[in-house]
Amino acid sequence: MKPALSLSLLVICLAAPLSAQAKYAVSPVIATNNEGTSANAFPFTSTVQRRYMQVHSDLPNGAVRISAIGFRITATTIKPAGYRTLDMEMFMGRSRTWNTCSFYFDQNYLAPKTKVIKRKTFNFGPGIGASPGPSPFVTALELKLDAPYVRIPTFSVAWEIHMHSNVSGGSIGTIDADKANIVLGADSPYGTGCTATGRTAPVRHTVEIADIAGTLLLMFSASQCPANAPGILVLGTKKLDLKIPGLCTNLYTDLFLVTPIGIANANGDLNRDGTRWYYNAAGGAWLLPSIGAVTLYSQIMVFDAGQSGIKLAGSNGAMLTLPTSNTAKSVPVTRLFNNSGGVTEKMSALFTTSSVGYCLPTRFTYL
């Protein structure tokens, strides 16, 4: 027996073909009549083969049938005349919210995603500029769905592009982007980690910290770990320098929270890629409501069978200075993208200033 459609969805499905005029909603809403405060090349003016996703949490309530999404360029007096030849496909689906999302692409979907544009090659652009901005949304910068996607009320919506190739045919303009108010925190190392088996330098622990309009982003990582070893995060409220018999380094904070934090790779990097803390970071990234301007302390312990005592290689301690939120401007959209691994990559890169609360303003056309 097939499940029955809800009354609201049934009304939408039956009435939409009779409607002569489409409606529009811009997300983030604040960008409807305002120029974005940034600009970005991903995914439309970059040649990198990648996945690109945006999670939108401020679409209008109600069941609607989305038929297209569109974009615009930044304010300009220049009239671009080029285009991009895109080989791409697109998916949509119900998703986690922008500030509870995962940085593993597929973990954001709350139900199987729907392919809304089959893989095809077509020209995209140019945009039409305006000065002062914002520039208009135009059909040349629009992605028309093969069939309408039914948006379920109360859920966030994710759209995801698999960009197989992107070839320039001249400038289409610079794509408009917007971001929330972001306040960075700081980490300060103290103490010294021990040198793990197979390494020549001590285990080094760092934390990236940002408050995005009241949402706290913490990115825990370590380098110089034993190869392919699981790690544990120790998070506390007190700064310690305590000798533990059998442990190769001191304990640098109290055990307020002890939790798994991922597995180091063959190079000894845990939730990072060498000096690039923004790659392979998804496993160590936390999103949670802001807790204000407080100080926390953290340390990483990684399993190390080569240690003579306790089989753990400990890092330095890190003092985490969390910032005060600036909630004057919220952008309830988050984007995910990868810069390597192509369209099968599972994990997004992650930046403190251009991932959470950052997006290309998107116009949803719906019936």
Protein backbone atom coordinates (compact mmCIF):
# COMPACT_ATOMS: atom_id res chain seq x y z
CA MET A 1 0.00 0.00 0.00
CA LYS A 2 1.44 3.37 -1.00
CA PRO A 3 1.56 6.09 1.68
CA ALA A 4 -0.88 8.92 1.15
CA LEU A 5 0.34 12.41 0.37
CA SER A 6 -0.39 15.01 3.01
CA LEU A 7 -3.24 17.36 2.11
CA SER A 8 -0.91 20.35 1.70
CA LEU A 9 1.39 18.48 -0.67
CA LEU A 10 -1.56 17.15 -2.66
CA VAL A 11 -2.93 20.67 -3.10
CA ILE A 12 0.46 21.91 -4.26
CA CYS A 13 0.93 19.05 -6.71
CA LEU A 14 -2.52 19.52 -8.24
CA ALA A 15 -2.65 23.29 -8.28
CA ALA A 16 0.87 24.10 -9.48
CA PRO A 17 0.33 23.19 -13.16
CA LEU A 18 -2.58 25.62 -13.24
CA SER A 19 -0.51 28.51 -11.91
CA ALA A 20 0.60 30.98 -14.57
CA GLN A 21 3.14 32.86 -12.50
CA ALA A 22 6.17 31.56 -10.64
CA LYS A 23 7.19 32.92 -7.25
CA TYR A 24 10.64 33.65 -5.92
CA ALA A 25 12.47 33.43 -2.60
CA VAL A 26 16.04 34.56 -2.05
CA SER A 27 18.17 32.82 0.57
CA PRO A 28 19.64 34.24 2.69
CA VAL A 29 16.65 36.55 3.06
CA ILE A 30 18.92 39.47 3.99
CA ALA A 31 20.40 39.33 0.47
CA THR A 32 17.04 39.86 -1.24
CA ASN A 33 17.57 43.60 -1.58
CA ASN A 34 21.17 43.88 -0.38
CA GLU A 35 24.49 43.31 -2.09
CA GLY A 36 26.49 40.47 -0.57
CA THR A 37 29.62 41.34 1.38
CA SER A 38 31.85 38.89 -0.48
CA ALA A 39 32.39 37.19 -3.85
CA ASN A 40 33.44 33.67 -4.78
CA ALA A 41 34.56 31.57 -7.73
CA PHE A 42 33.20 28.24 -6.47
CA PRO A 43 31.64 26.40 -8.23
CA PHE A 44 30.79 28.42 -11.33
CA THR A 45 34.01 30.21 -12.30
CA SER A 46 36.52 27.60 -11.13
CA THR A 47 37.91 24.79 -13.28
CA VAL A 48 38.25 22.36 -10.35
CA GLN A 49 36.23 19.15 -10.59
CA ARG A 50 34.33 19.09 -7.30
CA ARG A 51 31.20 18.69 -5.21
CA TYR A 52 29.56 21.87 -4.01
CA MET A 53 26.64 22.00 -1.54
CA GLN A 54 24.64 24.73 0.15
CA VAL A 55 22.32 24.11 3.10
CA HIS A 56 19.52 26.71 3.37
CA SER A 57 17.55 27.15 6.60
CA ASP A 58 15.55 30.32 5.91
CA LEU A 59 13.23 29.39 3.06
CA PRO A 60 9.55 30.33 3.43
CA ASN A 61 7.30 27.94 5.32
CA GLY A 62 4.96 25.78 3.33
CA ALA A 63 5.17 23.01 0.75
CA VAL A 64 6.32 24.30 -2.62
CA ARG A 65 7.59 22.90 -5.90
CA ILE A 66 11.03 24.32 -6.67
CA SER A 67 11.63 24.57 -10.41
CA ALA A 68 14.96 26.45 -10.60
CA ILE A 69 17.71 28.10 -8.60
CA GLY A 70 19.53 31.20 -9.77
CA PHE A 71 22.47 33.43 -8.97
CA ARG A 72 23.76 36.94 -9.63
CA ILE A 73 27.05 38.77 -10.06
CA THR A 74 28.51 41.45 -7.82
CA ALA A 75 27.78 45.12 -8.37
CA THR A 76 29.63 46.40 -11.43
CA THR A 77 29.42 48.83 -14.33
CA ILE A 78 31.21 46.34 -16.59
CA LYS A 79 29.05 44.33 -18.98
CA PRO A 80 30.43 40.77 -19.09
CA ALA A 81 29.83 38.95 -22.36
CA GLY A 82 31.33 35.52 -21.75
CA TYR A 83 30.02 32.17 -20.59
CA ARG A 84 31.10 28.97 -18.86
CA THR A 85 30.51 25.57 -20.40
CA LEU A 86 29.44 23.38 -17.49
CA ASP A 87 29.34 19.59 -17.43
CA MET A 88 27.38 18.97 -14.24
CA GLU A 89 24.52 17.28 -12.44
CA MET A 90 22.57 18.45 -9.42
CA PHE A 91 20.78 16.96 -6.41
CA MET A 92 18.41 18.32 -3.77
CA GLY A 93 17.13 16.96 -0.49
CA ARG A 94 15.86 17.56 3.02
CA SER A 95 18.82 18.35 5.22
CA ARG A 96 20.16 19.22 8.61
CA THR A 97 20.13 22.90 9.49
CA TRP A 98 22.93 25.27 8.57
CA ASN A 99 24.32 25.29 12.13
CA THR A 100 23.98 21.56 12.87
CA CYS A 101 25.30 20.33 9.55
CA SER A 102 28.00 17.76 8.92
CA PHE A 103 31.08 18.43 6.83
CA TYR A 104 30.71 15.04 5.23
CA PHE A 105 28.46 15.78 2.26
CA ASP A 106 26.10 12.80 2.39
CA GLN A 107 25.56 12.97 6.15
CA ASN A 108 23.54 16.16 5.70
CA TYR A 109 20.62 14.47 3.95
CA LEU A 110 17.73 13.39 6.16
CA ALA A 111 16.27 11.29 3.33
CA PRO A 112 17.71 10.00 0.06
CA LYS A 113 18.69 12.92 -2.15
CA THR A 114 16.90 13.49 -5.45
CA LYS A 115 18.71 14.01 -8.74
CA VAL A 116 17.03 17.15 -10.06
CA ILE A 117 19.32 17.78 -13.06
CA LYS A 118 20.68 14.82 -14.96
CA ARG A 119 24.27 15.14 -16.06
CA LYS A 120 24.45 17.44 -19.05
CA THR A 121 26.66 20.05 -20.71
CA PHE A 122 25.37 23.58 -21.23
CA ASN A 123 26.45 27.21 -21.28
CA PHE A 124 26.06 29.33 -18.14
CA GLY A 125 26.19 33.13 -18.08
CA PRO A 126 26.85 35.94 -18.47
CA GLY A 127 25.43 37.93 -15.59
CA ILE A 128 24.12 41.47 -15.79
CA GLY A 129 25.71 43.96 -13.42
CA ALA A 130 24.21 46.91 -11.59
CA SER A 131 25.86 49.73 -9.70
CA PRO A 132 25.02 50.24 -6.95
CA GLY A 133 24.08 46.64 -6.29
CA PRO A 134 22.62 44.24 -5.88
CA SER A 135 22.77 43.04 -9.47
CA PRO A 136 19.66 41.27 -10.77
CA PHE A 137 19.12 37.54 -10.88
CA VAL A 138 18.99 36.61 -14.57
CA THR A 139 17.96 33.48 -16.46
CA ALA A 140 21.47 33.13 -17.93
CA LEU A 141 22.71 32.36 -14.39
CA GLU A 142 19.86 29.99 -13.59
CA LEU A 143 19.80 26.21 -13.19
CA LYS A 144 16.45 24.82 -14.33
CA LEU A 145 15.45 21.53 -12.74
CA ASP A 146 14.44 18.62 -14.97
CA ALA A 147 11.31 18.30 -12.85
CA PRO A 148 10.13 20.33 -9.85
CA TYR A 149 11.47 19.33 -6.45
CA VAL A 150 8.82 19.24 -3.72
CA ARG A 151 10.09 21.02 -0.64
CA ILE A 152 8.68 19.67 2.63
CA PRO A 153 7.75 22.37 5.18
CA THR A 154 9.91 22.96 8.28
CA PHE A 155 12.98 21.19 6.85
CA SER A 156 16.12 22.85 5.58
CA VAL A 157 16.98 22.25 1.92
CA ALA A 158 20.34 21.27 0.48
CA TRP A 159 21.29 21.58 -3.16
CA GLU A 160 24.43 19.87 -4.38
CA ILE A 161 26.30 20.19 -7.67
CA HIS A 162 28.69 17.60 -9.07
CA MET A 163 30.88 19.69 -11.38
CA HIS A 164 32.56 17.31 -13.82
CA SER A 165 34.16 20.07 -15.89
CA ASN A 166 33.98 23.84 -16.19
CA VAL A 167 35.48 25.53 -19.25
CA SER A 168 35.77 29.29 -19.66
CA GLY A 169 34.32 31.05 -22.67
CA GLY A 170 35.10 34.50 -21.30
CA SER A 171 34.05 36.40 -18.21
CA ILE A 172 30.53 35.94 -16.83
CA GLY A 173 31.21 38.38 -13.99
CA THR A 174 32.11 37.70 -10.37
CA ILE A 175 29.46 35.67 -8.54
CA ASP A 176 27.99 37.46 -5.51
CA ALA A 177 28.48 35.90 -2.07
CA ASP A 178 27.37 36.85 1.42
CA LYS A 179 28.44 36.01 4.95
CA ALA A 180 27.35 36.41 8.55
CA ASN A 181 29.22 38.33 11.20
CA ILE A 182 32.21 36.19 12.15
CA VAL A 183 34.41 36.70 15.21
CA LEU A 184 37.57 34.61 15.47
CA GLY A 185 38.86 33.13 18.69
CA ALA A 186 42.42 32.06 19.44
CA ASP A 187 44.37 29.07 20.70
CA SER A 188 47.59 29.36 22.69
CA PRO A 189 49.83 26.31 23.09
CA TYR A 190 51.44 25.44 26.41
CA GLY A 191 53.52 22.52 27.59
CA THR A 192 55.22 20.01 25.31
CA GLY A 193 53.90 16.84 23.76
CA CYS A 194 55.87 13.63 23.56
CA THR A 195 57.50 12.27 20.42
CA ALA A 196 55.42 9.44 18.98
CA THR A 197 56.76 6.26 17.46
CA GLY A 198 58.15 6.93 13.99
CA ARG A 199 58.28 10.72 14.44
CA THR A 200 61.11 13.15 15.08
CA ALA A 201 59.05 15.97 16.63
CA PRO A 202 56.47 16.06 19.46
CA VAL A 203 52.75 15.62 18.82
CA ARG A 204 51.41 19.11 18.13
CA HIS A 205 47.79 20.10 18.84
CA THR A 206 46.00 23.20 17.49
CA VAL A 207 42.40 24.44 17.47
CA GLU A 208 40.71 26.82 15.02
CA ILE A 209 37.92 28.87 16.62
CA ALA A 210 35.18 31.07 15.17
CA ASP A 211 31.81 32.40 16.31
CA ILE A 212 29.41 32.79 13.39
CA ALA A 213 26.51 34.98 14.54
CA GLY A 214 26.02 32.92 17.70
CA THR A 215 27.14 29.52 16.40
CA LEU A 216 30.50 28.32 17.68
CA LEU A 217 32.83 26.44 15.32
CA LEU A 218 35.70 24.48 16.89
CA MET A 219 38.19 22.54 14.75
CA PHE A 220 40.45 20.18 16.73
CA SER A 221 43.52 18.74 15.01
CA ALA A 222 47.01 17.37 15.63
CA SER A 223 50.16 16.58 13.68
CA GLN A 224 53.16 14.29 14.30
CA CYS A 225 50.87 11.50 15.51
CA PRO A 226 51.63 7.78 15.13
CA ALA A 227 50.56 6.54 11.70
CA ASN A 228 46.94 5.40 11.38
CA ALA A 229 46.30 5.69 15.11
CA PRO A 230 42.99 6.63 16.79
CA GLY A 231 42.94 9.85 18.77
CA ILE A 232 41.14 11.06 21.89
CA LEU A 233 40.28 14.66 22.72
CA VAL A 234 40.58 15.77 26.34
CA LEU A 235 38.62 18.98 26.93
CA GLY A 236 38.57 20.76 30.25
CA THR A 237 37.91 23.94 32.17
CA LYS A 238 41.21 24.01 34.08
CA LYS A 239 44.81 24.46 33.00
CA LEU A 240 46.99 21.70 34.45
CA ASP A 241 50.60 20.54 34.22
CA LEU A 242 50.26 17.23 35.99
CA LYS A 243 52.74 14.37 35.87
CA ILE A 244 51.02 11.00 35.32
CA PRO A 245 53.22 7.94 36.00
CA GLY A 246 53.76 6.01 32.76
CA LEU A 247 52.46 8.79 30.46
CA CYS A 248 55.11 10.16 28.11
CA THR A 249 54.01 13.77 28.67
CA ASN A 250 52.08 15.66 31.33
CA LEU A 251 48.31 15.98 31.52
CA TYR A 252 47.48 19.57 30.61
CA THR A 253 43.78 19.86 31.49
CA ASP A 254 41.12 18.24 33.65
CA LEU A 255 39.00 15.44 32.26
CA PHE A 256 35.75 17.39 31.89
CA LEU A 257 35.12 15.69 28.54
CA VAL A 258 36.99 12.79 26.94
CA THR A 259 35.83 11.72 23.48
CA PRO A 260 37.14 10.06 20.30
CA ILE A 261 38.31 12.63 17.74
CA GLY A 262 39.22 10.57 14.67
CA ILE A 263 42.11 8.55 13.25
CA ALA A 264 45.44 9.95 12.10
CA ASN A 265 46.49 9.26 8.53
CA ALA A 266 49.68 7.54 7.40
CA ASN A 267 51.56 10.84 7.63
CA GLY A 268 50.54 11.33 11.25
CA ASP A 269 48.01 14.10 10.57
CA LEU A 270 44.79 13.99 12.60
CA ASN A 271 41.92 16.06 11.15
CA ARG A 272 44.28 18.12 8.97
CA ASP A 273 46.59 17.77 5.95
CA GLY A 274 50.08 18.82 7.00
CA THR A 275 50.14 22.58 7.50
CA ARG A 276 46.70 22.87 5.88
CA TRP A 277 44.29 22.67 8.81
CA TYR A 278 41.33 23.29 6.48
CA TYR A 279 41.63 19.95 4.61
CA ASN A 280 40.55 16.61 6.14
CA ALA A 281 39.13 18.63 9.03
CA ALA A 282 35.56 17.31 9.08
CA GLY A 283 36.16 14.64 11.73
CA GLY A 284 37.41 17.19 14.24
CA ALA A 285 34.87 19.96 13.60
CA TRP A 286 32.18 20.83 16.14
CA LEU A 287 29.23 23.18 15.71
CA LEU A 288 27.36 24.22 18.85
CA PRO A 289 25.54 27.23 20.27
CA SER A 290 27.84 29.97 21.48
CA ILE A 291 28.77 29.75 25.16
CA GLY A 292 30.19 33.25 25.38
CA ALA A 293 33.67 34.61 25.98
CA VAL A 294 35.07 31.81 28.10
CA THR A 295 38.38 29.96 28.24
CA LEU A 296 38.70 26.20 27.76
CA TYR A 297 41.70 23.88 27.58
CA SER A 298 42.34 20.86 25.38
CA GLN A 299 44.86 18.11 24.66
CA ILE A 300 45.04 15.21 22.19
CA MET A 301 46.04 11.68 23.16
CA VAL A 302 46.80 9.20 20.36
CA PHE A 303 47.25 5.44 20.71
CA ASP A 304 50.95 4.54 20.42
CA ALA A 305 51.94 0.90 20.90
CA GLY A 306 55.61 1.88 20.90
CA GLN A 307 55.46 3.80 24.17
CA SER A 308 57.16 2.02 27.07
CA GLY A 309 54.52 2.96 29.64
CA ILE A 310 50.93 3.97 28.95
CA LYS A 311 50.32 3.34 25.25
CA LEU A 312 49.41 6.92 24.47
CA ALA A 313 51.32 9.75 22.82
CA GLY A 314 50.11 13.04 24.27
CA SER A 315 50.21 16.48 22.68
CA ASN A 316 50.88 19.90 24.11
CA GLY A 317 48.00 21.66 25.81
CA ALA A 318 45.98 24.37 24.06
CA MET A 319 44.26 27.28 25.79
CA LEU A 320 41.10 28.15 23.85
CA THR A 321 39.91 31.75 24.03
CA LEU A 322 36.32 31.76 22.81
CA PRO A 323 34.97 35.05 21.40
CA THR A 324 31.86 37.07 22.14
CA SER A 325 29.16 36.63 19.49
CA ASN A 326 28.20 39.36 17.06
CA THR A 327 24.64 38.49 16.04
CA ALA A 328 23.86 41.72 14.18
CA LYS A 329 23.94 39.85 10.86
CA SER A 330 22.99 36.21 10.47
CA VAL A 331 23.25 34.23 7.24
CA PRO A 332 21.51 30.90 7.96
CA VAL A 333 23.19 29.08 5.09
CA THR A 334 26.31 26.90 5.07
CA ARG A 335 28.32 25.71 2.10
CA LEU A 336 30.47 22.63 1.59
CA PHE A 337 33.02 22.12 -1.18
CA ASN A 338 36.15 20.12 -1.92
CA ASN A 339 39.26 21.22 -3.77
CA SER A 340 40.51 17.71 -4.53
CA GLY A 341 39.03 14.25 -4.88
CA GLY A 342 36.59 15.19 -7.65
CA VAL A 343 32.88 14.43 -7.51
CA THR A 344 33.27 11.31 -5.35
CA GLU A 345 35.02 13.05 -2.43
CA LYS A 346 33.14 12.45 0.83
CA MET A 347 34.52 15.33 2.88
CA SER A 348 34.32 19.10 2.53
CA ALA A 349 37.17 21.49 3.08
CA LEU A 350 36.40 23.75 6.03
CA PHE A 351 37.35 27.36 6.67
CA THR A 352 36.55 29.53 9.69
CA THR A 353 35.53 32.54 7.57
CA SER A 354 33.97 31.11 4.41
CA SER A 355 32.07 27.89 5.18
CA VAL A 356 29.48 28.25 7.97
CA GLY A 357 27.20 31.27 7.52
CA TYR A 358 28.66 31.85 4.04
CA CYS A 359 27.01 31.27 0.68
CA LEU A 360 26.16 32.37 -2.81
CA PRO A 361 22.81 34.20 -2.51
CA THR A 362 20.39 31.87 -4.25
CA ARG A 363 17.04 32.67 -5.80
CA PHE A 364 14.61 29.76 -5.60
CA THR A 365 11.88 29.74 -8.24
CA TYR A 366 8.85 27.84 -7.07
CA LEU A 367 5.27 27.08 -8.00
